[in-house]
C-alpha atoms as a PDB file:
ATOM      1  CA  MET A   1       2.429 166.619 -32.199  1.00  0.00           C
ATOM      2  CA  GLU A   2       6.131 166.224 -30.109  1.00  0.00           C
ATOM      3  CA  ARG A   3       8.312 168.873 -28.720  1.00  0.00           C
ATOM      4  CA  ARG A   4      11.561 168.477 -27.211  1.00  0.00           C
ATOM      5  CA  ASP A   5      13.811 169.351 -24.554  1.00  0.00           C
ATOM      6  CA  TRP A   6      13.790 173.203 -25.309  1.00  0.00           C
ATOM      7  CA  LEU A   7      12.984 174.516 -21.406  1.00  0.00           C
ATOM      8  CA  ASN A   8      14.641 174.551 -18.612  1.00  0.00           C
ATOM      9  CA  PRO A   9      13.778 175.200 -15.172  1.00  0.00           C
ATOM     10  CA  LEU A  10      17.014 177.553 -13.133  1.00  0.00           C
ATOM     11  CA  HIS A  11      18.332 177.421 -10.374  1.00  0.00           C
ATOM     12  CA  LEU A  12      16.830 180.600  -7.787  1.00  0.00           C
ATOM     13  CA  ALA A  13      20.902 181.148  -7.373  1.00  0.00           C
ATOM     14  CA  GLN A  14      21.873 180.292 -10.242  1.00  0.00           C
ATOM     15  CA  PRO A  15      23.714 182.015 -13.194  1.00  0.00           C
ATOM     16  CA  ILE A  16      20.618 182.024 -16.123  1.00  0.00           C
ATOM     17  CA  CYS A  17      22.542 180.614 -17.966  1.00  0.00           C
ATOM     18  CA  GLU A  18      23.336 177.242 -15.506  1.00  0.00           C
ATOM     19  CA  ALA A  19      20.513 174.691 -16.421  1.00  0.00           C
ATOM     20  CA  LEU A  20      20.107 171.868 -12.975  1.00  0.00           C
ATOM     21  CA  SER A  21      20.234 168.218 -14.075  1.00  0.00           C
ATOM     22  CA  LEU A  22      16.819 168.249 -15.138  1.00  0.00           C
ATOM     23  CA  LEU A  23      19.292 167.939 -18.826  1.00  0.00           C
ATOM     24  CA  MET A  24      19.113 163.713 -18.318  1.00  0.00           C
ATOM     25  CA  GLU A  25      17.481 162.150 -19.726  1.00  0.00           C
ATOM     26  CA  THR A  26      17.702 159.107 -17.149  1.00  0.00           C
ATOM     27  CA  GLY A  27      19.356 157.762 -14.287  1.00  0.00           C
ATOM     28  CA  GLN A  28      16.489 160.019 -12.370  1.00  0.00           C
ATOM     29  CA  PRO A  29      15.472 158.976  -8.913  1.00  0.00           C
ATOM     30  CA  GLN A  30      11.451 158.914  -8.928  1.00  0.00           C
ATOM     31  CA  SER A  31      12.572 162.590  -5.883  1.00  0.00           C
ATOM     32  CA  GLU A  32      14.835 164.514  -5.675  1.00  0.00           C
ATOM     33  CA  LYS A  33      16.112 167.596  -3.349  1.00  0.00           C
ATOM     34  CA  ASP A  34      18.513 170.355  -3.989  1.00  0.00           C
ATOM     35  CA  SER A  35      18.768 173.387  -1.894  1.00  0.00           C
ATOM     36  CA  SER A  36      15.699 175.143  -3.467  1.00  0.00           C
ATOM     37  CA  PHE A  37      13.624 172.631  -4.318  1.00  0.00           C
ATOM     38  CA  PHE A  38      11.608 168.926  -4.571  1.00  0.00           C
ATOM     39  CA  ARG A  39      11.675 167.598  -8.126  1.00  0.00           C
ATOM     40  CA  PHE A  40       9.753 164.622  -8.420  1.00  0.00           C
ATOM     41  CA  SER A  41       9.410 162.583 -12.242  1.00  0.00           C
ATOM     42  CA  ARG A  42       7.436 160.314 -13.553  1.00  0.00           C
ATOM     43  CA  ARG A  43       7.474 158.639 -18.085  1.00  0.00           C
ATOM     44  CA  ALA A  44       3.267 159.551 -19.378  1.00  0.00           C
ATOM     45  CA  MET A  45       2.498 160.836 -23.251  1.00  0.00           C
ATOM     46  CA  ALA A  46       6.078 159.478 -24.456  1.00  0.00           C
ATOM     47  CA  THR A  47       7.411 162.223 -22.290  1.00  0.00           C
ATOM     48  CA  GLU A  48       8.755 162.481 -18.745  1.00  0.00           C
ATOM     49  CA  PHE A  49       6.822 165.136 -16.528  1.00  0.00           C
ATOM     50  CA  GLU A  50       8.108 166.561 -14.017  1.00  0.00           C
ATOM     51  CA  VAL A  51       6.552 168.736 -10.172  1.00  0.00           C
ATOM     52  CA  LEU A  52       8.495 171.207  -8.687  1.00  0.00           C
ATOM     53  CA  LEU A  53       8.388 172.055  -5.241  1.00  0.00           C
ATOM     54  CA  PRO A  54       9.425 174.151  -2.572  1.00  0.00           C
ATOM     55  CA  LEU A  55      11.739 172.782  -0.344  1.00  0.00           C
ATOM     56  CA  ALA A  56       8.968 174.644   2.167  1.00  0.00           C
ATOM     57  CA  CYS A  57       5.845 172.709   0.858  1.00  0.00           C
ATOM     58  CA  PRO A  58       5.060 170.688   3.765  1.00  0.00           C
ATOM     59  CA  MET A  59       3.021 167.767   1.375  1.00  0.00           C
ATOM     60  CA  ALA A  60       5.441 167.429  -1.291  1.00  0.00           C
ATOM     61  CA  HIS A  61       5.070 164.103  -2.027  1.00  0.00           C
ATOM     62  CA  SER A  62       1.720 163.090  -1.402  1.00  0.00           C
ATOM     63  CA  LEU A  63       1.262 166.089  -3.544  1.00  0.00           C
ATOM     64  CA  ALA A  64       3.886 164.906  -6.939  1.00  0.00           C
ATOM     65  CA  ASP A  65       1.779 161.898  -6.584  1.00  0.00           C
ATOM     66  CA  ALA A  66      -1.866 162.695  -6.793  1.00  0.00           C
ATOM     67  CA  ALA A  67      -0.445 164.727  -9.905  1.00  0.00           C
ATOM     68  CA  LEU A  68       1.689 162.186 -11.619  1.00  0.00           C
ATOM     69  CA  ASP A  69      -1.095 160.306 -11.159  1.00  0.00           C
ATOM     70  CA  LEU A  70      -3.575 162.135 -12.692  1.00  0.00           C
ATOM     71  CA  VAL A  71      -1.662 162.622 -15.521  1.00  0.00           C
ATOM     72  CA  ASP A  72      -1.642 159.165 -15.846  1.00  0.00           C
ATOM     73  CA  ASP A  73      -5.843 159.233 -16.080  1.00  0.00           C
ATOM     74  CA  LEU A  74      -5.308 161.842 -18.136  1.00  0.00           C
ATOM     75  CA  GLU A  75      -2.987 158.998 -21.340  1.00  0.00           C
ATOM     76  CA  SER A  76      -4.946 156.909 -20.034  1.00  0.00           C
ATOM     77  CA  GLN A  77      -8.136 159.137 -21.744  1.00  0.00           C
ATOM     78  CA  LEU A  78      -6.637 161.358 -24.833  1.00  0.00           C
ATOM     79  CA  THR A  79      -3.576 159.604 -26.112  1.00  0.00           C
ATOM     80  CA  VAL A  80      -4.400 157.964 -29.332  1.00  0.00           C
ATOM     81  CA  TYR A  81      -1.806 155.002 -28.999  1.00  0.00           C
ATOM     82  CA  ARG A  82      -4.796 152.644 -26.930  1.00  0.00           C
ATOM     83  CA  GLU A  83      -7.650 151.221 -28.288  1.00  0.00           C
ATOM     84  CA  SER A  84      -9.216 151.372 -24.423  1.00  0.00           C
ATOM     85  CA  SER A  85      -8.637 155.665 -24.623  1.00  0.00           C
ATOM     86  CA  GLU A  86     -11.961 157.278 -25.158  1.00  0.00           C
ATOM     87  CA  ILE A  87     -10.387 159.700 -27.493  1.00  0.00           C
ATOM     88  CA  SER A  88      -9.573 156.040 -29.559  1.00  0.00           C
ATOM     89  CA  HIS A  89     -13.278 155.191 -29.212  1.00  0.00           C
ATOM     90  CA  ILE A  90     -14.524 158.499 -30.415  1.00  0.00           C
ATOM     91  CA  ASN A  91     -11.804 158.688 -33.559  1.00  0.00           C
ATOM     92  CA  ARG A  92     -14.351 155.114 -33.985  1.00  0.00           C
ATOM     93  CA  THR A  93     -18.107 156.032 -33.489  1.00  0.00           C
ATOM     94  CA  ALA A  94     -18.705 158.951 -33.838  1.00  0.00           C
ATOM     95  CA  TYR A  95     -19.070 159.946 -37.386  1.00  0.00           C
ATOM     96  CA  ALA A  96     -22.047 156.710 -37.259  1.00  0.00           C
ATOM     97  CA  ASN A  97     -23.620 158.233 -34.138  1.00  0.00           C
ATOM     98  CA  TRP A  98     -24.061 161.013 -31.893  1.00  0.00           C
ATOM     99  CA  VAL A  99     -21.129 160.497 -28.543  1.00  0.00           C
ATOM    100  CA  HIS A 100     -21.421 161.821 -25.126  1.00  0.00           C
ATOM    101  CA  PRO A 101     -17.654 162.755 -24.272  1.00  0.00           C
ATOM    102  CA  GLU A 102     -16.454 163.465 -20.495  1.00  0.00           C
ATOM    103  CA  LEU A 103     -17.575 166.838 -19.947  1.00  0.00           C
ATOM    104  CA  SER A 104     -14.001 168.166 -19.086  1.00  0.00           C
ATOM    105  CA  LEU A 105     -12.902 166.745 -22.738  1.00  0.00           C
ATOM    106  CA  TRP A 106     -15.927 168.103 -24.104  1.00  0.00           C
ATOM    107  CA  LYS A 107     -14.907 171.725 -22.963  1.00  0.00           C
ATOM    108  CA  LEU A 108     -11.443 170.690 -23.767  1.00  0.00           C
ATOM    109  CA  LEU A 109     -12.545 170.131 -27.527  1.00  0.00           C
ATOM    110  CA  GLU A 110     -14.844 172.920 -27.769  1.00  0.00           C
ATOM    111  CA  LYS A 111     -11.550 175.577 -26.496  1.00  0.00           C
ATOM    112  CA  SER A 112      -9.516 173.210 -29.605  1.00  0.00           C
ATOM    113  CA  GLN A 113     -11.640 174.619 -31.934  1.00  0.00           C
ATOM    114  CA  THR A 114     -11.693 178.086 -30.648  1.00  0.00           C
ATOM    115  CA  ILE A 115      -7.982 178.131 -31.046  1.00  0.00           C
ATOM    116  CA  ALA A 116      -8.172 176.520 -34.895  1.00  0.00           C
ATOM    117  CA  ARG A 117     -10.772 179.441 -35.729  1.00  0.00           C
ATOM    118  CA  GLU A 118      -9.019 182.221 -34.347  1.00  0.00           C
ATOM    119  CA  THR A 119      -5.569 181.425 -35.803  1.00  0.00           C
ATOM    120  CA  GLU A 120      -6.141 180.738 -39.553  1.00  0.00           C
ATOM    121  CA  TYR A 121      -6.426 176.468 -37.988  1.00  0.00           C
ATOM    122  CA  GLY A 122      -3.355 176.779 -37.692  1.00  0.00           C
ATOM    123  CA  PHE A 123      -3.933 174.968 -34.868  1.00  0.00           C
ATOM    124  CA  ASP A 124      -6.165 171.681 -36.037  1.00  0.00           C
ATOM    125  CA  PRO A 125      -6.797 168.231 -33.566  1.00  0.00           C
ATOM    126  CA  THR A 126      -8.198 166.878 -36.685  1.00  0.00           C
ATOM    127  CA  THR A 127      -5.514 165.995 -38.095  1.00  0.00           C
ATOM    128  CA  GLY A 128      -4.749 162.428 -37.458  1.00  0.00           C
ATOM    129  CA  PRO A 129      -5.941 161.207 -41.071  1.00  0.00           C
ATOM    130  CA  LEU A 130      -2.988 163.087 -42.171  1.00  0.00           C
ATOM    131  CA  ILE A 131      -0.160 162.408 -39.245  1.00  0.00           C
ATOM    132  CA  ARG A 132      -1.053 158.717 -40.358  1.00  0.00           C
ATOM    133  CA  LEU A 133      -0.801 159.239 -43.833  1.00  0.00           C
ATOM    134  CA  TRP A 134       3.159 161.198 -43.461  1.00  0.00           C
ATOM    135  CA  GLY A 135       4.139 158.179 -41.336  1.00  0.00           C
ATOM    136  CA  PHE A 136       4.329 160.859 -37.948  1.00  0.00           C
ATOM    137  CA  HIS A 137       1.462 158.416 -36.045  1.00  0.00           C
ATOM    138  CA  SER A 138       3.662 154.449 -36.120  1.00  0.00           C
ATOM    139  CA  GLY A 139       5.413 154.924 -39.460  1.00  0.00           C
ATOM    140  CA  PRO A 140       6.553 154.427 -41.972  1.00  0.00           C
ATOM    141  CA  LYS A 141       7.357 158.451 -42.831  1.00  0.00           C
ATOM    142  CA  ARG A 142       7.448 159.148 -46.349  1.00  0.00           C
ATOM    143  CA  VAL A 143       6.132 161.116 -48.475  1.00  0.00           C
ATOM    144  CA  PRO A 144       2.886 160.908 -49.531  1.00  0.00           C
ATOM    145  CA  SER A 145       1.357 162.048 -53.709  1.00  0.00           C
ATOM    146  CA  ALA A 146      -0.831 165.141 -53.773  1.00  0.00           C
ATOM    147  CA  GLU A 147      -3.755 162.579 -55.187  1.00  0.00           C
ATOM    148  CA  GLU A 148      -3.316 161.304 -51.689  1.00  0.00           C
ATOM    149  CA  ILE A 149      -3.215 164.642 -49.264  1.00  0.00           C
ATOM    150  CA  GLU A 150      -5.588 165.931 -51.467  1.00  0.00           C
ATOM    151  CA  ARG A 151      -8.101 162.452 -50.696  1.00  0.00           C
ATOM    152  CA  VAL A 152      -7.126 162.866 -46.888  1.00  0.00           C
ATOM    153  CA  LEU A 153      -7.728 166.061 -46.579  1.00  0.00           C
ATOM    154  CA  GLU A 154     -11.435 165.588 -47.040  1.00  0.00           C
ATOM    155  CA  LYS A 155     -11.935 163.239 -43.607  1.00  0.00           C
ATOM    156  CA  THR A 156      -9.727 167.047 -42.220  1.00  0.00           C
ATOM    157  CA  GLY A 157     -11.001 170.311 -40.744  1.00  0.00           C
ATOM    158  CA  ILE A 158     -12.373 171.278 -37.588  1.00  0.00           C
ATOM    159  CA  GLU A 159     -15.669 172.617 -39.359  1.00  0.00           C
ATOM    160  CA  ASN A 160     -15.676 169.109 -39.487  1.00  0.00           C
ATOM    161  CA  LEU A 161     -16.443 168.812 -35.716  1.00  0.00           C
ATOM    162  CA  ASP A 162     -19.960 169.495 -34.952  1.00  0.00           C
ATOM    163  CA  LEU A 163     -19.785 169.357 -30.872  1.00  0.00           C
ATOM    164  CA  GLN A 164     -23.717 170.600 -29.596  1.00  0.00           C
ATOM    165  CA  ALA A 165     -23.820 172.799 -26.053  1.00  0.00           C
ATOM    166  CA  LYS A 166     -27.097 172.369 -25.763  1.00  0.00           C
ATOM    167  CA  ASP A 167     -25.945 168.111 -24.492  1.00  0.00           C
ATOM    168  CA  PHE A 168     -22.304 168.019 -24.488  1.00  0.00           C
ATOM    169  CA  SER A 169     -22.017 166.758 -27.321  1.00  0.00           C
ATOM    170  CA  MET A 170     -20.349 165.402 -30.734  1.00  0.00           C
ATOM    171  CA  ARG A 171     -19.820 164.066 -33.663  1.00  0.00           C
ATOM    172  CA  PHE A 172     -18.023 163.429 -36.577  1.00  0.00           C
ATOM    173  CA  LYS A 173     -18.913 164.680 -40.219  1.00  0.00           C
ATOM    174  CA  GLN A 174     -17.324 163.327 -42.800  1.00  0.00           C
ATOM    175  CA  PRO A 175     -16.493 160.021 -42.933  1.00  0.00           C
ATOM    176  CA  GLY A 176     -12.329 158.519 -41.470  1.00  0.00           C
ATOM    177  CA  MET A 177     -12.061 162.269 -39.550  1.00  0.00           C
ATOM    178  CA  GLU A 178      -9.621 161.327 -36.448  1.00  0.00           C
ATOM    179  CA  ILE A 179      -9.529 163.768 -33.008  1.00  0.00           C
ATOM    180  CA  ASN A 180      -5.427 163.948 -32.437  1.00  0.00           C
ATOM    181  CA  LEU A 181      -4.484 166.196 -28.885  1.00  0.00           C
ATOM    182  CA  GLY A 182      -0.547 166.040 -29.301  1.00  0.00           C
ATOM    183  CA  ALA A 183      -0.545 169.668 -30.180  1.00  0.00           C
ATOM    184  CA  ILE A 184      -2.373 171.045 -26.559  1.00  0.00           C
ATOM    185  CA  GLY A 185      -2.998 167.831 -24.507  1.00  0.00           C
ATOM    186  CA  LYS A 186       0.097 168.129 -22.899  1.00  0.00           C
ATOM    187  CA  GLY A 187      -0.364 172.431 -21.485  1.00  0.00           C
ATOM    188  CA  TYR A 188      -4.209 170.350 -20.627  1.00  0.00           C
ATOM    189  CA  ALA A 189      -2.708 167.525 -18.173  1.00  0.00           C
ATOM    190  CA  LEU A 190      -0.581 171.087 -17.273  1.00  0.00           C
ATOM    191  CA  ASP A 191      -4.145 172.756 -16.588  1.00  0.00           C
ATOM    192  CA  ARG A 192      -5.291 169.952 -15.160  1.00  0.00           C
ATOM    193  CA  VAL A 193      -2.838 168.989 -12.143  1.00  0.00           C
ATOM    194  CA  GLY A 194      -2.520 173.236 -11.178  1.00  0.00           C
ATOM    195  CA  GLN A 195      -6.190 173.067 -10.609  1.00  0.00           C
ATOM    196  CA  MET A 196      -6.113 170.082  -8.545  1.00  0.00           C
ATOM    197  CA  ILE A 197      -3.038 171.426  -6.716  1.00  0.00           C
ATOM    198  CA  ARG A 198      -4.634 174.826  -5.875  1.00  0.00           C
ATOM    199  CA  GLY A 199      -7.999 173.402  -4.967  1.00  0.00           C
ATOM    200  CA  ARG A 200      -7.704 170.105  -3.546  1.00  0.00           C
ATOM    201  CA  PHE A 201      -4.211 170.724  -1.465  1.00  0.00           C
ATOM    202  CA  GLY A 202      -4.608 174.104  -0.994  1.00  0.00           C
ATOM    203  CA  TRP A 203      -1.436 175.189  -2.541  1.00  0.00           C
ATOM    204  CA  LYS A 204       0.017 177.561  -5.335  1.00  0.00           C
ATOM    205  CA  SER A 205       3.762 177.948  -5.809  1.00  0.00           C
ATOM    206  CA  PHE A 206       4.441 175.207  -8.225  1.00  0.00           C
ATOM    207  CA  LEU A 207       6.256 174.718 -11.043  1.00  0.00           C
ATOM    208  CA  LEU A 208       5.104 171.441 -13.353  1.00  0.00           C
ATOM    209  CA  GLN A 209       6.282 170.819 -16.757  1.00  0.00           C
ATOM    210  CA  GLY A 210       5.413 168.511 -19.427  1.00  0.00           C
ATOM    211  CA  GLY A 211       8.373 167.305 -21.667  1.00  0.00           C
ATOM    212  CA  ARG A 212      10.555 170.581 -21.506  1.00  0.00           C
ATOM    213  CA  SER A 213       8.483 172.077 -23.860  1.00  0.00           C
ATOM    214  CA  SER A 214       5.497 172.588 -22.186  1.00  0.00           C
ATOM    215  CA  ILE A 215       5.972 174.567 -18.245  1.00  0.00           C
ATOM    216  CA  LEU A 216       2.501 175.105 -15.841  1.00  0.00           C
ATOM    217  CA  ALA A 217       3.939 177.950 -13.474  1.00  0.00           C
ATOM    218  CA  GLY A 218       2.023 179.306 -10.054  1.00  0.00           C
ATOM    219  CA  ASP A 219       2.770 181.688  -7.887  1.00  0.00           C
ATOM    220  CA  LYS A 220       6.723 181.972  -6.924  1.00  0.00           C
ATOM    221  CA  PRO A 221       8.959 179.863  -4.291  1.00  0.00           C
ATOM    222  CA  VAL A 222       7.550 180.282  -0.762  1.00  0.00           C
ATOM    223  CA  GLY A 223      10.301 182.755   0.568  1.00  0.00           C
ATOM    224  CA  ALA A 224      11.585 183.681  -2.886  1.00  0.00           C
ATOM    225  CA  GLU A 225      12.286 187.038  -4.182  1.00  0.00           C
ATOM    226  CA  ARG A 226      11.236 186.869  -8.031  1.00  0.00           C
ATOM    227  CA  SER A 227       9.512 184.502  -9.612  1.00  0.00           C
ATOM    228  CA  TRP A 228      10.356 181.031 -11.564  1.00  0.00           C
ATOM    229  CA  ARG A 229      13.196 181.599 -14.410  1.00  0.00           C
ATOM    230  CA  VAL A 230      12.934 179.548 -17.095  1.00  0.00           C
ATOM    231  CA  ARG A 231      16.207 178.713 -20.493  1.00  0.00           C
ATOM    232  CA  ILE A 232      14.410 178.324 -23.802  1.00  0.00           C
ATOM    233  CA  CYS A 233      17.198 176.740 -25.275  1.00  0.00           C
ATOM    234  CA  HIS A 234      18.666 177.503 -28.287  1.00  0.00           C
ATOM    235  CA  PRO A 235      17.291 174.436 -31.424  1.00  0.00           C
ATOM    236  CA  TRP A 236      19.872 173.970 -33.625  1.00  0.00           C
ATOM    237  CA  GLU A 237      22.752 174.783 -30.206  1.00  0.00           C
ATOM    238  CA  GLN A 238      21.399 173.819 -27.401  1.00  0.00           C
ATOM    239  CA  GLU A 239      24.189 174.594 -25.219  1.00  0.00           C
ATOM    240  CA  LYS A 240      23.484 178.097 -25.620  1.00  0.00           C
ATOM    241  CA  THR A 241      20.573 180.048 -24.672  1.00  0.00           C
ATOM    242  CA  LEU A 242      17.675 181.287 -26.589  1.00  0.00           C
ATOM    243  CA  ALA A 243      15.584 183.814 -23.994  1.00  0.00           C
ATOM    244  CA  VAL A 244      15.299 183.493 -20.351  1.00  0.00           C
ATOM    245  CA  LEU A 245      11.651 184.011 -19.160  1.00  0.00           C
ATOM    246  CA  GLU A 246      10.659 184.578 -14.927  1.00  0.00           C
ATOM    247  CA  LEU A 247       6.785 183.107 -14.806  1.00  0.00           C
ATOM    248  CA  GLU A 248       4.294 183.446 -11.836  1.00  0.00           C
ATOM    249  CA  ASN A 249       0.612 182.042 -12.812  1.00  0.00           C
ATOM    250  CA  ARG A 250       1.454 181.892 -16.290  1.00  0.00           C
ATOM    251  CA  ALA A 251       1.360 179.247 -19.325  1.00  0.00           C
ATOM    252  CA  LEU A 252       4.414 178.146 -21.469  1.00  0.00           C
ATOM    253  CA  GLY A 253       4.475 176.461 -24.778  1.00  0.00           C
ATOM    254  CA  ILE A 254       6.762 175.788 -27.945  1.00  0.00           C
ATOM    255  CA  SER A 255       6.646 173.969 -30.543  1.00  0.00           C
ATOM    256  CA  ALA A 256      10.032 172.890 -32.933  1.00  0.00           C
ATOM    257  CA  ALA A 257      10.932 170.705 -35.952  1.00  0.00           C
ATOM    258  CA  THR A 258      14.612 170.018 -35.023  1.00  0.00           C
ATOM    259  CA  TYR A 259      14.516 165.958 -33.874  1.00  0.00           C
ATOM    260  CA  ASN A 260      10.818 164.837 -35.244  1.00  0.00           C
ATOM    261  CA  TYR A 261      11.456 164.442 -38.845  1.00  0.00           C
ATOM    262  CA  PHE A 262      12.449 162.726 -41.563  1.00  0.00           C
ATOM    263  CA  GLU A 263      15.019 163.129 -45.575  1.00  0.00           C
ATOM    264  CA  ALA A 264      13.050 162.442 -48.492  1.00  0.00           C
ATOM    265  CA  ASN A 265      15.255 163.122 -51.885  1.00  0.00           C
ATOM    266  CA  GLY A 266      17.473 166.424 -49.822  1.00  0.00           C
ATOM    267  CA  VAL A 267      14.564 167.652 -47.940  1.00  0.00           C
ATOM    268  CA  LYS A 268      13.499 167.458 -44.653  1.00  0.00           C
ATOM    269  CA  TYR A 269      10.009 167.467 -43.848  1.00  0.00           C
ATOM    270  CA  GLY A 270       8.913 167.589 -40.071  1.00  0.00           C
ATOM    271  CA  HIS A 271       6.653 166.198 -38.049  1.00  0.00           C
ATOM    272  CA  VAL A 272       3.972 169.778 -37.754  1.00  0.00           C
ATOM    273  CA  LEU A 273       1.595 169.437 -40.502  1.00  0.00           C
ATOM    274  CA  ASP A 274      -0.597 172.692 -42.119  1.00  0.00           C
ATOM    275  CA  ALA A 275      -3.996 171.616 -41.705  1.00  0.00           C
ATOM    276  CA  LYS A 276      -4.401 174.007 -45.370  1.00  0.00           C
ATOM    277  CA  THR A 277      -1.693 171.976 -47.631  1.00  0.00           C
ATOM    278  CA  GLY A 278      -1.350 168.397 -46.058  1.00  0.00           C
ATOM    279  CA  TYR A 279       2.184 169.153 -46.509  1.00  0.00           C
ATOM    280  CA  PRO A 280       5.020 170.391 -43.547  1.00  0.00           C
ATOM    281  CA  CYS A 281       4.706 173.686 -42.346  1.00  0.00           C
ATOM    282  CA  GLN A 282       8.146 175.514 -43.330  1.00  0.00           C
ATOM    283  CA  GLY A 283      10.327 179.175 -42.352  1.00  0.00           C
ATOM    284  CA  VAL A 284       9.623 179.518 -38.867  1.00  0.00           C
ATOM    285  CA  ALA A 285      12.123 177.220 -36.421  1.00  0.00           C
ATOM    286  CA  CYS A 286      11.407 177.467 -33.424  1.00  0.00           C
ATOM    287  CA  CYS A 287       7.898 179.063 -31.628  1.00  0.00           C
ATOM    288  CA  ALA A 288       7.131 179.731 -27.645  1.00  0.00           C
ATOM    289  CA  VAL A 289       4.212 181.564 -26.384  1.00  0.00           C
ATOM    290  CA  LEU A 290       3.299 182.493 -23.413  1.00  0.00           C
ATOM    291  CA  ALA A 291      -0.379 182.302 -22.480  1.00  0.00           C
ATOM    292  CA  PRO A 292      -2.699 183.003 -19.469  1.00  0.00           C
ATOM    293  CA  ASP A 293      -2.933 178.318 -19.005  1.00  0.00           C
ATOM    294  CA  CYS A 294      -0.358 176.109 -20.729  1.00  0.00           C
ATOM    295  CA  ALA A 295      -3.069 173.971 -23.271  1.00  0.00           C
ATOM    296  CA  SER A 296      -4.024 177.380 -24.911  1.00  0.00           C
ATOM    297  CA  ALA A 297      -0.125 178.257 -24.784  1.00  0.00           C
ATOM    298  CA  ASP A 298       0.868 174.629 -26.083  1.00  0.00           C
ATOM    299  CA  ALA A 299      -2.275 174.861 -28.999  1.00  0.00           C
ATOM    300  CA  LEU A 300      -1.174 178.464 -29.767  1.00  0.00           C
ATOM    301  CA  SER A 301       2.396 177.635 -30.102  1.00  0.00           C
ATOM    302  CA  THR A 302       1.403 175.154 -32.980  1.00  0.00           C
ATOM    303  CA  ALA A 303      -0.733 177.470 -34.960  1.00  0.00           C
ATOM    304  CA  PHE A 304       1.695 180.590 -35.198  1.00  0.00           C
ATOM    305  CA  PHE A 305       4.220 177.646 -35.818  1.00  0.00           C
ATOM    306  CA  VAL A 306       3.042 177.223 -38.743  1.00  0.00           C
ATOM    307  CA  ARG A 307       1.397 180.235 -39.640  1.00  0.00           C
ATOM    308  CA  GLY A 308       4.256 182.770 -38.882  1.00  0.00           C
ATOM    309  CA  VAL A 309       4.932 186.249 -38.033  1.00  0.00           C
ATOM    310  CA  GLU A 310       1.629 187.764 -39.610  1.00  0.00           C
ATOM    311  CA  ALA A 311      -0.839 185.784 -38.106  1.00  0.00           C
ATOM    312  CA  ALA A 312       1.042 185.821 -34.231  1.00  0.00           C
ATOM    313  CA  GLU A 313       0.754 189.658 -35.099  1.00  0.00           C
ATOM    314  CA  LYS A 314      -2.572 189.418 -35.697  1.00  0.00           C
ATOM    315  CA  TYR A 315      -3.896 187.588 -32.378  1.00  0.00           C
ATOM    316  CA  CYS A 316      -1.392 188.977 -30.260  1.00  0.00           C
ATOM    317  CA  SER A 317      -3.235 192.334 -31.405  1.00  0.00           C
ATOM    318  CA  LYS A 318      -7.022 191.245 -29.855  1.00  0.00           C
ATOM    319  CA  HIS A 319      -4.782 189.611 -26.634  1.00  0.00           C
ATOM    320  CA  PRO A 320      -2.597 190.991 -24.700  1.00  0.00           C
ATOM    321  CA  GLY A 321      -1.858 188.691 -21.738  1.00  0.00           C
ATOM    322  CA  ILE A 322      -0.101 185.994 -25.086  1.00  0.00           C
ATOM    323  CA  GLY A 323       3.315 186.877 -25.234  1.00  0.00           C
ATOM    324  CA  VAL A 324       5.212 184.810 -28.542  1.00  0.00           C
ATOM    325  CA  LEU A 325       8.077 184.236 -29.995  1.00  0.00           C
ATOM    326  CA  LEU A 326       9.458 183.477 -33.511  1.00  0.00           C
ATOM    327  CA  LEU A 327      12.714 182.005 -34.523  1.00  0.00           C
ATOM    328  CA  SER A 328      12.804 181.324 -38.174  1.00  0.00           C
ATOM    329  CA  GLU A 329      15.113 178.624 -39.996  1.00  0.00           C
ATOM    330  CA  PRO A 330      18.662 179.456 -41.227  1.00  0.00           C
ATOM    331  CA  GLY A 331      19.068 182.359 -43.406  1.00  0.00           C
ATOM    332  CA  THR A 332      15.709 183.406 -43.634  1.00  0.00           C
ATOM    333  CA  GLY A 333      15.544 186.000 -40.593  1.00  0.00           C
ATOM    334  CA  SER A 334      16.032 186.248 -37.290  1.00  0.00           C
ATOM    335  CA  CYS A 335      14.667 185.433 -33.512  1.00  0.00           C
ATOM    336  CA  GLN A 336      10.934 187.172 -32.669  1.00  0.00           C
ATOM    337  CA  ALA A 337       9.469 188.749 -29.754  1.00  0.00           C
ATOM    338  CA  ILE A 338       5.386 189.946 -30.335  1.00  0.00           C
ATOM    339  CA  GLY A 339       3.136 190.375 -27.412  1.00  0.00           C
ATOM    340  CA  ASN A 340       3.304 190.167 -24.067  1.00  0.00           C
ATOM    341  CA  THR A 341       6.515 188.357 -23.797  1.00  0.00           C
ATOM    342  CA  GLY A 342       8.353 189.023 -20.450  1.00  0.00           C
ATOM    343  CA  LEU A 343      11.632 188.093 -22.078  1.00  0.00           C
ATOM    344  CA  LEU A 344      14.608 188.849 -19.311  1.00  0.00           C
ATOM    345  CA  ASN A 345      16.989 188.786 -22.111  1.00  0.00           C
END
């Protein structure tokens, strides 16, 4: 599931309403330096990944190269758009056979299953067949019949994913199942990069961005008095600021359907699908989640985009480290902050 252009790191010395040139989509050099940090970028997972490092980082170039190389490697493992990926292999073989994924991938599937159960299946990585049915995988986009949706729903459901911790194996309980990690993959990649930066390089101050909708912040910039600042753009008027946050050792993920949608008979159908009904969800325009790790932030932003305010309130009451910002669709409500958001405005 895609996320687009909702987050903008802000210059530490500029007013909070002034976004960096990170808004630019084309013409960026491989690396760029301004008065506050180094920035390195590379395209992966159909979006732009960026590494921001303070000027005090002595190994900035080698660190960023290793970070972005790891993102490339993870894309090769997680994407459903390459037949050679591990996920594609699982999707082809896991009904007929027990499969033994790479350990980190197995743990990601376990984490996905846990989040799905805890969010009333607002997030569910087994919606791959539904994504294909609606044409959000590779097109053409269309409104399927109720009968088609009912048949495809039999091929979905996180409870049909059988994970065995004794030997870290897995299988599908229904034929035709397909995992799609688009709603958690970018966040997971940022988590892995953050772990590598801290462990291999011993560096703690960084900001990682995937697709301008997923952010992982390390320690605040060296010598700075405050943490990394991030502006959340308004989904319909991106020159306006919906919220400003300060992040330190925390992650932020956003889900929205403003760009990836189609219209049929005067009705807009967004790409975020409800695993229970098989239809695109309605009512929420944008959902931002703050969490200790970026995989959780991304998955939960999808879950609450689907399930709404009550589900977010219920989850946050049991998980005090989570913060949620929900913006309703035009004419249906306003912006609500739930849990530990740390909003500056």
